[in-house]
Amino acid sequence: ALRPLGLLAPPARGVLGPAGGTGTGTAAGSGEAALGENPFYGKYRHKIQELRRSSPDVFESRMEKRSEVKRQPVGHSKQGEFIRCMEEKARPIFFAEGLGSKTSKGGFTKDKTLDSILNVEMVKEKSAEEITQIWNQYFSAKDTVYAVIPADKFDLMWKRAQSCPSFLYALPRKEGYEFFVGQWSGTELHFTSLINVQTQGETAPSQLVLYHYPDLQKEKGIVLMTAEMDSKFLVVHDAQCLANQVQLFYATDRSETYGLVETFNHRSSEFKYMSVIAELEQSGLGKELRPGQASDKS
């Protein structure tokens, strides 16, 4: 039986192997033992054991069906609302505090609008450059990820997201790479670890959400972006790495790079996870975003 791919240290093999690799299913016991071998199992042990205690039938069924994951485009699942509410201190005039936002179970933000962050009416008189400066200055003091994306670049990303809503991202770790599934839901991009998908299926919780706001796109030519994350599993450095990869794969002019996204969504049996790592290394992101190395939050 193949080991789950919460982490990959080349040349190890995993669920999303080379074309034609299918492997065989595992029993619940051996599946759980394989999970225990994963270096990142410790982070998720409590939730996995809680599932086993509360719903043993569901747990055993998921362990037995783990082999099916590699035959499907990973990430085509409903993302749970596991979004940490970003605590903000309002800046006078331009920034609001919690206006228009709702919280779902657990206090996580739901239906987060630009109006809940920014006084849109007030900044309409500002230029794109001034709004960019206001946005960057405000979030530079916060422990989060943010960006101002040119309208044409977002248009390309958005168009591609409609036909290819999911992708597998590799987060550099000291031990190798930890895989995360990213899936678009409207203008929100939700991320959860691959081990979450393997063990929790359609209830896999979001651990990072990138919010894209096209409210000022037509008038100002910019799209504002910020994020929320589950700080128990990710830090800002991790979130920035994943956000950079979104632009690498979805906004690239290089057909070979975006081709990986198309293959993942439409020809999953041909998808090779090692090609994602190779692309990261070639682009320089794999080296630049290793733990302990700084990156520009904006």
Foldseek 3Di string as FASTA:
>chain_A
DFADFQDDAPPHAHLLAAFPDQDAFDFLVVLVVSLVVDPCSVLCVVVLVVCCVVPVPLQRVLNRCLSVCSVALPPPAAAAQPFQDFAADADPPFFAAQPPWDADPPRHTDPDAVVRTTVVVRCLVPALVVVQVVQCVRCVVDFWFKDKAFLVLVVQLVVLCVQQFKDWAWFAEPNGTGIWMWGDDPQKIFIATSVLCSRPNNHRHTFKIKHWACPCCVPRRIIIIIMTGNVSVDGRLRVQLVVVVSSVQRRDPDCVSVVLSVCSRPVSSRHHPVVNVVSCVVVVSNVQSYPPHDDDRD
